[in-house]
Amino acid sequence: MKFTVDKENGLAIFHLHESRLDSTNSAEAKSEFLILCQSSIEVLILDFSEVTFCDSSGLSAILLAERQLRERDGGLIVVDSSGKVRSLFEIAKLTDIIPLVATLEEARDLIIED
């Protein structure tokens, strides 16, 4: 799985450099999310701007990160410029639980507003 992570002032940005978040890479994504969520970050931004497909195993990885952060009063934001993750969130009725934005700039703006 290709990804990069940027950390700054309690914020981590996980950039997934894959077109899919599915059963082929969701286990590795979960591991990385757990490592990030156990660090001192307060907000995790999942940058899925390159993702064009996400299935239920990918959704499971996202929910794991959200739960880990919520337990520590942290937050999770998903960047989904293609809209592919949004459609899955809408089916699962998660759009009110996890903020979905189209750009990384919108994600940063959400943090500033809080």
Protein backbone atom coordinates (compact mmCIF):
# COMPACT_ATOMS: atom_id res chain seq x y z
CA MET A 1 0.00 0.00 0.00
CA LYS A 2 1.38 3.40 -0.98
CA PHE A 3 0.78 6.25 1.44
CA THR A 4 2.44 9.19 3.13
CA VAL A 5 1.76 10.82 6.48
CA ASP A 6 2.29 14.46 7.41
CA LYS A 7 2.18 15.47 11.08
CA GLU A 8 1.98 18.96 12.52
CA ASN A 9 0.71 20.37 15.82
CA GLY A 10 -1.65 17.56 16.86
CA LEU A 11 -2.78 16.95 13.28
CA ALA A 12 -1.93 14.00 11.05
CA ILE A 13 -2.77 13.80 7.37
CA PHE A 14 -2.79 10.30 5.90
CA HIS A 15 -2.51 10.52 2.10
CA LEU A 16 -3.48 7.24 0.41
CA HIS A 17 -1.73 6.97 -2.94
CA GLU A 18 -3.92 4.16 -4.25
CA SER A 19 -7.05 4.15 -6.37
CA ARG A 20 -8.77 1.60 -4.13
CA LEU A 21 -9.44 1.12 -0.43
CA ASP A 22 -10.74 -2.41 -0.32
CA SER A 23 -10.01 -5.92 0.94
CA THR A 24 -6.59 -5.89 -0.73
CA ASN A 25 -5.25 -3.08 1.45
CA SER A 26 -7.73 -2.38 4.25
CA ALA A 27 -5.91 -4.56 6.81
CA GLU A 28 -2.73 -2.55 6.29
CA ALA A 29 -4.74 0.68 6.41
CA LYS A 30 -6.25 -0.40 9.76
CA SER A 31 -2.77 -1.05 11.15
CA GLU A 32 -1.54 2.36 10.06
CA PHE A 33 -4.65 4.08 11.42
CA LEU A 34 -4.21 2.36 14.79
CA ILE A 35 -0.59 3.50 14.99
CA LEU A 36 -1.60 7.07 14.17
CA CYS A 37 -4.52 7.04 16.59
CA GLN A 38 -2.30 5.85 19.42
CA SER A 39 0.05 8.79 18.94
CA SER A 40 -0.53 12.28 20.29
CA ILE A 41 -2.67 13.48 17.38
CA GLU A 42 -5.98 15.20 18.02
CA VAL A 43 -7.27 15.21 14.44
CA LEU A 44 -6.67 12.76 11.63
CA ILE A 45 -7.40 13.74 8.06
CA LEU A 46 -7.73 10.81 5.67
CA ASP A 47 -6.84 12.19 2.26
CA PHE A 48 -8.57 9.86 -0.18
CA SER A 49 -8.44 12.30 -3.09
CA GLU A 50 -6.83 9.60 -5.25
CA VAL A 51 -9.34 6.90 -4.24
CA THR A 52 -11.92 5.96 -6.87
CA PHE A 53 -13.28 2.85 -5.14
CA CYS A 54 -14.02 2.01 -1.51
CA ASP A 55 -15.82 -1.11 -0.29
CA SER A 56 -17.10 -2.29 3.09
CA SER A 57 -13.65 -3.42 4.26
CA GLY A 58 -12.32 0.07 3.50
CA LEU A 59 -15.25 1.54 5.38
CA SER A 60 -14.40 -0.72 8.31
CA ALA A 61 -10.87 0.73 8.41
CA ILE A 62 -12.27 4.28 8.43
CA LEU A 63 -14.71 3.43 11.22
CA LEU A 64 -11.91 1.90 13.29
CA ALA A 65 -9.97 5.16 13.09
CA GLU A 66 -13.07 7.20 13.94
CA ARG A 67 -13.81 5.07 17.00
CA GLN A 68 -10.21 5.21 18.25
CA LEU A 69 -10.12 8.99 17.95
CA ARG A 70 -13.59 9.52 19.43
CA GLU A 71 -12.56 7.55 22.53
CA ARG A 72 -9.77 10.10 23.03
CA ASP A 73 -11.99 13.12 22.18
CA GLY A 74 -10.23 13.46 18.83
CA GLY A 75 -11.66 13.94 15.39
CA LEU A 76 -11.56 12.42 11.92
CA ILE A 77 -12.16 14.12 8.57
CA VAL A 78 -12.22 12.37 5.20
CA VAL A 79 -11.20 14.10 1.96
CA ASP A 80 -13.13 12.53 -0.91
CA SER A 81 -12.79 14.53 -4.11
CA SER A 82 -14.15 11.75 -6.35
CA GLY A 83 -17.36 11.22 -4.33
CA LYS A 84 -16.83 7.45 -4.24
CA VAL A 85 -16.44 7.31 -0.46
CA ARG A 86 -19.44 9.64 0.00
CA SER A 87 -21.78 7.24 -1.79
CA LEU A 88 -20.74 4.44 0.56
CA PHE A 89 -21.14 6.76 3.58
CA GLU A 90 -24.62 7.69 2.41
CA ILE A 91 -25.63 4.04 2.06
CA ALA A 92 -24.28 3.31 5.55
CA LYS A 93 -25.88 6.51 6.96
CA LEU A 94 -22.52 7.86 8.19
CA THR A 95 -22.55 11.32 6.65
CA ASP A 96 -23.67 12.88 9.95
CA ILE A 97 -20.95 11.09 11.93
CA ILE A 98 -17.78 11.63 9.89
CA PRO A 99 -17.23 14.89 8.01
CA LEU A 100 -16.58 14.39 4.29
CA VAL A 101 -15.06 17.23 2.29
CA ALA A 102 -13.88 17.59 -1.29
CA THR A 103 -10.44 19.12 -0.65
CA LEU A 104 -7.67 19.17 1.89
CA GLU A 105 -8.19 22.92 2.26
CA GLU A 106 -11.82 22.33 3.29
CA ALA A 107 -10.62 19.80 5.88
CA ARG A 108 -8.19 22.34 7.32
CA ASP A 109 -10.96 24.95 7.39
CA LEU A 110 -13.15 22.56 9.44
CA ILE A 111 -10.39 22.25 12.03
CA ILE A 112 -10.00 26.02 12.27
CA GLU A 113 -13.78 26.45 12.75
CA ASP A 114 -13.80 24.09 15.75
